[in-house]
Amino acid sequence: MTYVITEPCIGTKDQSCVEVCPVDCIYDGGEHFMINPEECIDCGACEPECPVEAIYPEDEVPEDMQQYVTKAQEFFGLT
């Protein structure tokens, strides 16, 4: 499993999550940050650091934000 950054990050892009990631798996995806699912070690360090609560474990992404799971996979060429 991995973590997913969702819609609340758009327009915010606070770098707190990037700074705490021990494996540097968070990348600038343009309008928001994205977590590379192949590099994420599921440590959860990023989730509490997000000031807009945009980060979820993949299996807890709200139904109305599921497209961000696919968006991250496509961004990293995993589809």
PDB file of N, CA and C in Angstrom:
ATOM      1  N   MET A   1       0.840  -1.180   0.000  1.00  0.00           N
ATOM      2  CA  MET A   1       0.000   0.000   0.000  1.00  0.00           C
ATOM      3  C   MET A   1       0.885   1.243   0.000  1.00  0.00           C
ATOM      4  N   THR A   2       0.303   2.336  -0.428  1.00  0.00           N
ATOM      5  CA  THR A   2       1.015   3.604  -0.486  1.00  0.00           C
ATOM      6  C   THR A   2       0.087   4.713   0.003  1.00  0.00           C
ATOM      7  N   TYR A   3       0.616   5.891   0.069  1.00  0.00           N
ATOM      8  CA  TYR A   3      -0.183   7.059   0.412  1.00  0.00           C
ATOM      9  C   TYR A   3      -0.479   7.839  -0.863  1.00  0.00           C
ATOM     10  N   VAL A   4      -1.583   8.591  -0.844  1.00  0.00           N
ATOM     11  CA  VAL A   4      -2.033   9.332  -2.015  1.00  0.00           C
ATOM     12  C   VAL A   4      -2.328  10.773  -1.591  1.00  0.00           C
ATOM     13  N   ILE A   5      -1.870  11.723  -2.389  1.00  0.00           N
ATOM     14  CA  ILE A   5      -2.160  13.132  -2.140  1.00  0.00           C
ATOM     15  C   ILE A   5      -3.337  13.527  -3.020  1.00  0.00           C
ATOM     16  N   THR A   6      -4.333  14.153  -2.407  1.00  0.00           N
ATOM     17  CA  THR A   6      -5.591  14.447  -3.096  1.00  0.00           C
ATOM     18  C   THR A   6      -5.829  15.943  -3.280  1.00  0.00           C
ATOM     19  N   GLU A   7      -7.031  16.267  -3.711  1.00  0.00           N
ATOM     20  CA  GLU A   7      -7.431  17.609  -4.137  1.00  0.00           C
ATOM     21  C   GLU A   7      -7.080  18.766  -3.202  1.00  0.00           C
ATOM     22  N   PRO A   8      -7.207  18.637  -1.876  1.00  0.00           N
ATOM     23  CA  PRO A   8      -6.896  19.794  -1.028  1.00  0.00           C
ATOM     24  C   PRO A   8      -5.477  20.351  -1.213  1.00  0.00           C
ATOM     25  N   CYS A   9      -4.570  19.578  -1.764  1.00  0.00           N
ATOM     26  CA  CYS A   9      -3.195  20.040  -2.003  1.00  0.00           C
ATOM     27  C   CYS A   9      -3.139  21.071  -3.134  1.00  0.00           C
ATOM     28  N   ILE A  10      -4.093  20.989  -4.044  1.00  0.00           N
ATOM     29  CA  ILE A  10      -4.098  21.908  -5.189  1.00  0.00           C
ATOM     30  C   ILE A  10      -4.204  23.343  -4.687  1.00  0.00           C
ATOM     31  N   GLY A  11      -3.263  24.157  -5.120  1.00  0.00           N
ATOM     32  CA  GLY A  11      -3.241  25.555  -4.727  1.00  0.00           C
ATOM     33  C   GLY A  11      -2.542  25.823  -3.410  1.00  0.00           C
ATOM     34  N   THR A  12      -2.210  24.757  -2.679  1.00  0.00           N
ATOM     35  CA  THR A  12      -1.530  24.911  -1.391  1.00  0.00           C
ATOM     36  C   THR A  12      -0.065  24.530  -1.516  1.00  0.00           C
ATOM     37  N   LYS A  13       0.159  23.276  -1.896  1.00  0.00           N
ATOM     38  CA  LYS A  13       1.508  22.726  -2.083  1.00  0.00           C
ATOM     39  C   LYS A  13       2.468  23.106  -0.954  1.00  0.00           C
ATOM     40  N   ASP A  14       2.005  22.950   0.282  1.00  0.00           N
ATOM     41  CA  ASP A  14       2.863  23.135   1.442  1.00  0.00           C
ATOM     42  C   ASP A  14       3.912  22.023   1.416  1.00  0.00           C
ATOM     43  N   GLN A  15       5.148  22.343   1.667  1.00  0.00           N
ATOM     44  CA  GLN A  15       6.232  21.374   1.514  1.00  0.00           C
ATOM     45  C   GLN A  15       6.515  20.554   2.768  1.00  0.00           C
ATOM     46  N   SER A  16       5.679  20.649   3.779  1.00  0.00           N
ATOM     47  CA  SER A  16       5.909  19.915   5.018  1.00  0.00           C
ATOM     48  C   SER A  16       6.028  18.415   4.780  1.00  0.00           C
ATOM     49  N   CYS A  17       5.188  17.880   3.901  1.00  0.00           N
ATOM     50  CA  CYS A  17       5.223  16.443   3.629  1.00  0.00           C
ATOM     51  C   CYS A  17       6.534  16.044   2.953  1.00  0.00           C
ATOM     52  N   VAL A  18       6.990  16.879   2.045  1.00  0.00           N
ATOM     53  CA  VAL A  18       8.229  16.604   1.316  1.00  0.00           C
ATOM     54  C   VAL A  18       9.410  16.570   2.282  1.00  0.00           C
ATOM     55  N   GLU A  19       9.415  17.505   3.222  1.00  0.00           N
ATOM     56  CA  GLU A  19      10.525  17.631   4.167  1.00  0.00           C
ATOM     57  C   GLU A  19      10.654  16.443   5.111  1.00  0.00           C
ATOM     58  N   VAL A  20       9.546  15.777   5.459  1.00  0.00           N
ATOM     59  CA  VAL A  20       9.612  14.668   6.411  1.00  0.00           C
ATOM     60  C   VAL A  20       9.731  13.291   5.755  1.00  0.00           C
ATOM     61  N   CYS A  21       9.567  13.214   4.451  1.00  0.00           N
ATOM     62  CA  CYS A  21       9.613  11.913   3.773  1.00  0.00           C
ATOM     63  C   CYS A  21      11.027  11.336   3.828  1.00  0.00           C
ATOM     64  N   PRO A  22      11.199  10.171   4.451  1.00  0.00           N
ATOM     65  CA  PRO A  22      12.540   9.603   4.589  1.00  0.00           C
ATOM     66  C   PRO A  22      13.113   9.004   3.300  1.00  0.00           C
ATOM     67  N   VAL A  23      12.266   8.767   2.300  1.00  0.00           N
ATOM     68  CA  VAL A  23      12.747   8.158   1.057  1.00  0.00           C
ATOM     69  C   VAL A  23      12.586   9.070  -0.152  1.00  0.00           C
ATOM     70  N   ASP A  24      12.215  10.317   0.068  1.00  0.00           N
ATOM     71  CA  ASP A  24      12.065  11.296  -1.018  1.00  0.00           C
ATOM     72  C   ASP A  24      11.185  10.790  -2.159  1.00  0.00           C
ATOM     73  N   CYS A  25      10.005  10.286  -1.822  1.00  0.00           N
ATOM     74  CA  CYS A  25       9.109   9.752  -2.848  1.00  0.00           C
ATOM     75  C   CYS A  25       8.004  10.720  -3.235  1.00  0.00           C
ATOM     76  N   ILE A  26       8.063  11.966  -2.737  1.00  0.00           N
ATOM     77  CA  ILE A  26       7.040  12.955  -3.048  1.00  0.00           C
ATOM     78  C   ILE A  26       7.598  13.921  -4.085  1.00  0.00           C
ATOM     79  N   TYR A  27       6.866  14.041  -5.192  1.00  0.00           N
ATOM     80  CA  TYR A  27       7.324  14.834  -6.328  1.00  0.00           C
ATOM     81  C   TYR A  27       6.332  15.943  -6.658  1.00  0.00           C
ATOM     82  N   ASP A  28       6.841  16.997  -7.284  1.00  0.00           N
ATOM     83  CA  ASP A  28       5.997  18.093  -7.727  1.00  0.00           C
ATOM     84  C   ASP A  28       5.295  17.645  -9.008  1.00  0.00           C
ATOM     85  N   GLY A  29       3.983  17.486  -8.934  1.00  0.00           N
ATOM     86  CA  GLY A  29       3.211  17.015 -10.072  1.00  0.00           C
ATOM     87  C   GLY A  29       2.523  18.133 -10.827  1.00  0.00           C
ATOM     88  N   GLY A  30       2.994  19.355 -10.627  1.00  0.00           N
ATOM     89  CA  GLY A  30       2.370  20.489 -11.297  1.00  0.00           C
ATOM     90  C   GLY A  30       1.440  21.217 -10.360  1.00  0.00           C
ATOM     91  N   GLU A  31       0.141  20.867 -10.410  1.00  0.00           N
ATOM     92  CA  GLU A  31      -0.817  21.562  -9.562  1.00  0.00           C
ATOM     93  C   GLU A  31      -0.812  21.072  -8.118  1.00  0.00           C
ATOM     94  N   HIS A  32      -0.254  19.897  -7.886  1.00  0.00           N
ATOM     95  CA  HIS A  32      -0.129  19.384  -6.518  1.00  0.00           C
ATOM     96  C   HIS A  32       1.005  18.368  -6.452  1.00  0.00           C
ATOM     97  N   PHE A  33       1.391  18.000  -5.229  1.00  0.00           N
ATOM     98  CA  PHE A  33       2.435  16.993  -5.056  1.00  0.00           C
ATOM     99  C   PHE A  33       1.850  15.607  -5.278  1.00  0.00           C
ATOM    100  N   MET A  34       2.726  14.682  -5.658  1.00  0.00           N
ATOM    101  CA  MET A  34       2.303  13.296  -5.857  1.00  0.00           C
ATOM    102  C   MET A  34       3.319  12.366  -5.216  1.00  0.00           C
ATOM    103  N   ILE A  35       2.805  11.264  -4.687  1.00  0.00           N
ATOM    104  CA  ILE A  35       3.645  10.255  -4.057  1.00  0.00           C
ATOM    105  C   ILE A  35       3.841   9.112  -5.039  1.00  0.00           C
ATOM    106  N   ASN A  36       5.106   8.760  -5.280  1.00  0.00           N
ATOM    107  CA  ASN A  36       5.401   7.639  -6.174  1.00  0.00           C
ATOM    108  C   ASN A  36       5.064   6.344  -5.435  1.00  0.00           C
ATOM    109  N   PRO A  37       4.045   5.607  -5.904  1.00  0.00           N
ATOM    110  CA  PRO A  37       3.635   4.399  -5.199  1.00  0.00           C
ATOM    111  C   PRO A  37       4.693   3.295  -5.177  1.00  0.00           C
ATOM    112  N   GLU A  38       5.636   3.337  -6.082  1.00  0.00           N
ATOM    113  CA  GLU A  38       6.687   2.315  -6.082  1.00  0.00           C
ATOM    114  C   GLU A  38       7.823   2.649  -5.118  1.00  0.00           C
ATOM    115  N   GLU A  39       7.916   3.904  -4.710  1.00  0.00           N
ATOM    116  CA  GLU A  39       8.978   4.324  -3.801  1.00  0.00           C
ATOM    117  C   GLU A  39       8.499   4.489  -2.364  1.00  0.00           C
ATOM    118  N   CYS A  40       7.204   4.708  -2.175  1.00  0.00           N
ATOM    119  CA  CYS A  40       6.643   4.929  -0.843  1.00  0.00           C
ATOM    120  C   CYS A  40       6.827   3.675   0.010  1.00  0.00           C
ATOM    121  N   ILE A  41       7.314   3.864   1.240  1.00  0.00           N
ATOM    122  CA  ILE A  41       7.540   2.724   2.139  1.00  0.00           C
ATOM    123  C   ILE A  41       6.427   2.609   3.186  1.00  0.00           C
ATOM    124  N   ASP A  42       5.346   3.369   2.996  1.00  0.00           N
ATOM    125  CA  ASP A  42       4.178   3.290   3.862  1.00  0.00           C
ATOM    126  C   ASP A  42       4.514   3.615   5.319  1.00  0.00           C
ATOM    127  N   CYS A  43       5.391   4.589   5.529  1.00  0.00           N
ATOM    128  CA  CYS A  43       5.769   4.943   6.896  1.00  0.00           C
ATOM    129  C   CYS A  43       4.750   5.872   7.545  1.00  0.00           C
ATOM    130  N   GLY A  44       4.005   6.627   6.733  1.00  0.00           N
ATOM    131  CA  GLY A  44       2.981   7.506   7.259  1.00  0.00           C
ATOM    132  C   GLY A  44       3.476   8.836   7.795  1.00  0.00           C
ATOM    133  N   ALA A  45       4.749   9.138   7.645  1.00  0.00           N
ATOM    134  CA  ALA A  45       5.301  10.386   8.183  1.00  0.00           C
ATOM    135  C   ALA A  45       4.676  11.614   7.548  1.00  0.00           C
ATOM    136  N   CYS A  46       4.278  11.517   6.298  1.00  0.00           N
ATOM    137  CA  CYS A  46       3.740  12.669   5.569  1.00  0.00           C
ATOM    138  C   CYS A  46       2.333  13.049   5.998  1.00  0.00           C
ATOM    139  N   GLU A  47       1.513  12.069   6.305  1.00  0.00           N
ATOM    140  CA  GLU A  47       0.092  12.312   6.557  1.00  0.00           C
ATOM    141  C   GLU A  47      -0.169  13.353   7.658  1.00  0.00           C
ATOM    142  N   PRO A  48       0.403  13.236   8.844  1.00  0.00           N
ATOM    143  CA  PRO A  48       0.103  14.231   9.882  1.00  0.00           C
ATOM    144  C   PRO A  48       0.717  15.610   9.616  1.00  0.00           C
ATOM    145  N   GLU A  49       1.673  15.692   8.708  1.00  0.00           N
ATOM    146  CA  GLU A  49       2.327  16.963   8.403  1.00  0.00           C
ATOM    147  C   GLU A  49       1.539  17.835   7.437  1.00  0.00           C
ATOM    148  N   CYS A  50       0.597  17.261   6.732  1.00  0.00           N
ATOM    149  CA  CYS A  50      -0.164  18.004   5.722  1.00  0.00           C
ATOM    150  C   CYS A  50      -1.160  18.953   6.394  1.00  0.00           C
ATOM    151  N   PRO A  51      -0.983  20.261   6.199  1.00  0.00           N
ATOM    152  CA  PRO A  51      -1.873  21.218   6.863  1.00  0.00           C
ATOM    153  C   PRO A  51      -3.297  21.255   6.298  1.00  0.00           C
ATOM    154  N   VAL A  52      -3.511  20.687   5.119  1.00  0.00           N
ATOM    155  CA  VAL A  52      -4.851  20.691   4.517  1.00  0.00           C
ATOM    156  C   VAL A  52      -5.474  19.292   4.479  1.00  0.00           C
ATOM    157  N   GLU A  53      -4.842  18.331   5.152  1.00  0.00           N
ATOM    158  CA  GLU A  53      -5.339  16.949   5.236  1.00  0.00           C
ATOM    159  C   GLU A  53      -5.648  16.347   3.871  1.00  0.00           C
ATOM    160  N   ALA A  54      -4.676  16.465   2.973  1.00  0.00           N
ATOM    161  CA  ALA A  54      -4.845  15.962   1.606  1.00  0.00           C
ATOM    162  C   ALA A  54      -4.269  14.569   1.414  1.00  0.00           C
ATOM    163  N   ILE A  55      -3.582  14.029   2.410  1.00  0.00           N
ATOM    164  CA  ILE A  55      -2.890  12.747   2.254  1.00  0.00           C
ATOM    165  C   ILE A  55      -3.650  11.638   2.966  1.00  0.00           C
ATOM    166  N   TYR A  56      -3.871  10.552   2.212  1.00  0.00           N
ATOM    167  CA  TYR A  56      -4.595   9.397   2.742  1.00  0.00           C
ATOM    168  C   TYR A  56      -3.849   8.110   2.409  1.00  0.00           C
ATOM    169  N   PRO A  57      -3.986   7.083   3.262  1.00  0.00           N
ATOM    170  CA  PRO A  57      -3.544   5.759   2.831  1.00  0.00           C
ATOM    171  C   PRO A  57      -4.391   5.382   1.612  1.00  0.00           C
ATOM    172  N   GLU A  58      -3.810   4.676   0.672  1.00  0.00           N
ATOM    173  CA  GLU A  58      -4.516   4.364  -0.574  1.00  0.00           C
ATOM    174  C   GLU A  58      -5.879   3.732  -0.347  1.00  0.00           C
ATOM    175  N   ASP A  59      -5.991   2.856   0.631  1.00  0.00           N
ATOM    176  CA  ASP A  59      -7.269   2.182   0.864  1.00  0.00           C
ATOM    177  C   ASP A  59      -8.266   3.024   1.654  1.00  0.00           C
ATOM    178  N   GLU A  60      -7.892   4.276   1.995  1.00  0.00           N
ATOM    179  CA  GLU A  60      -8.801   5.162   2.720  1.00  0.00           C
ATOM    180  C   GLU A  60      -9.122   6.445   1.947  1.00  0.00           C
ATOM    181  N   VAL A  61      -8.692   6.519   0.682  1.00  0.00           N
ATOM    182  CA  VAL A  61      -8.994   7.698  -0.128  1.00  0.00           C
ATOM    183  C   VAL A  61     -10.514   7.783  -0.293  1.00  0.00           C
ATOM    184  N   PRO A  62     -11.109   8.953   0.016  1.00  0.00           N
ATOM    185  CA  PRO A  62     -12.565   9.076  -0.129  1.00  0.00           C
ATOM    186  C   PRO A  62     -13.034   8.756  -1.548  1.00  0.00           C
ATOM    187  N   GLU A  63     -14.222   8.241  -1.625  1.00  0.00           N
ATOM    188  CA  GLU A  63     -14.807   7.822  -2.910  1.00  0.00           C
ATOM    189  C   GLU A  63     -14.733   8.924  -3.960  1.00  0.00           C
ATOM    190  N   ASP A  64     -15.031  10.166  -3.546  1.00  0.00           N
ATOM    191  CA  ASP A  64     -15.057  11.258  -4.507  1.00  0.00           C
ATOM    192  C   ASP A  64     -13.669  11.746  -4.917  1.00  0.00           C
ATOM    193  N   MET A  65     -12.608  11.134  -4.372  1.00  0.00           N
ATOM    194  CA  MET A  65     -11.240  11.520  -4.733  1.00  0.00           C
ATOM    195  C   MET A  65     -10.427  10.349  -5.281  1.00  0.00           C
ATOM    196  N   GLN A  66     -11.096   9.270  -5.634  1.00  0.00           N
ATOM    197  CA  GLN A  66     -10.416   8.078  -6.151  1.00  0.00           C
ATOM    198  C   GLN A  66      -9.597   8.368  -7.406  1.00  0.00           C
ATOM    199  N   GLN A  67      -9.970   9.399  -8.165  1.00  0.00           N
ATOM    200  CA  GLN A  67      -9.232   9.703  -9.384  1.00  0.00           C
ATOM    201  C   GLN A  67      -7.780  10.087  -9.087  1.00  0.00           C
ATOM    202  N   TYR A  68      -7.476  10.494  -7.856  1.00  0.00           N
ATOM    203  CA  TYR A  68      -6.107  10.867  -7.512  1.00  0.00           C
ATOM    204  C   TYR A  68      -5.191   9.648  -7.381  1.00  0.00           C
ATOM    205  N   VAL A  69      -5.776   8.489  -7.100  1.00  0.00           N
ATOM    206  CA  VAL A  69      -5.000   7.241  -7.093  1.00  0.00           C
ATOM    207  C   VAL A  69      -4.542   6.963  -8.522  1.00  0.00           C
ATOM    208  N   THR A  70      -5.481   7.020  -9.451  1.00  0.00           N
ATOM    209  CA  THR A  70      -5.176   6.790 -10.860  1.00  0.00           C
ATOM    210  C   THR A  70      -4.233   7.853 -11.406  1.00  0.00           C
ATOM    211  N   LYS A  71      -4.478   9.096 -11.015  1.00  0.00           N
ATOM    212  CA  LYS A  71      -3.650  10.208 -11.485  1.00  0.00           C
ATOM    213  C   LYS A  71      -2.181  10.006 -11.095  1.00  0.00           C
ATOM    214  N   ALA A  72      -1.931   9.562  -9.878  1.00  0.00           N
ATOM    215  CA  ALA A  72      -0.556   9.313  -9.426  1.00  0.00           C
ATOM    216  C   ALA A  72       0.058   8.147 -10.211  1.00  0.00           C
ATOM    217  N   GLN A  73      -0.715   7.085 -10.415  1.00  0.00           N
ATOM    218  CA  GLN A  73      -0.204   5.942 -11.181  1.00  0.00           C
ATOM    219  C   GLN A  73       0.164   6.354 -12.584  1.00  0.00           C
ATOM    220  N   GLU A  74      -0.672   7.168 -13.213  1.00  0.00           N
ATOM    221  CA  GLU A  74      -0.399   7.624 -14.578  1.00  0.00           C
ATOM    222  C   GLU A  74       0.802   8.562 -14.616  1.00  0.00           C
ATOM    223  N   PHE A  75       0.917   9.450 -13.622  1.00  0.00           N
ATOM    224  CA  PHE A  75       2.032  10.387 -13.569  1.00  0.00           C
ATOM    225  C   PHE A  75       3.372   9.651 -13.517  1.00  0.00           C
ATOM    226  N   PHE A  76       3.407   8.545 -12.781  1.00  0.00           N
ATOM    227  CA  PHE A  76       4.647   7.790 -12.642  1.00  0.00           C
ATOM    228  C   PHE A  76       4.753   6.635 -13.647  1.00  0.00           C
ATOM    229  N   GLY A  77       3.843   6.597 -14.623  1.00  0.00           N
ATOM    230  CA  GLY A  77       3.906   5.604 -15.697  1.00  0.00           C
ATOM    231  C   GLY A  77       3.631   4.193 -15.242  1.00  0.00           C
ATOM    232  N   LEU A  78       2.726   4.032 -14.299  1.00  0.00           N
ATOM    233  CA  LEU A  78       2.455   2.701 -13.730  1.00  0.00           C
ATOM    234  C   LEU A  78       1.141   2.095 -14.184  1.00  0.00           C
ATOM    235  N   THR A  79       0.543   2.653 -15.236  1.00  0.00           N
ATOM    236  CA  THR A  79      -0.726   2.086 -15.703  1.00  0.00           C
ATOM    237  C   THR A  79      -0.554   1.414 -17.038  1.00  0.00           C
TER     238      THR A  79
END
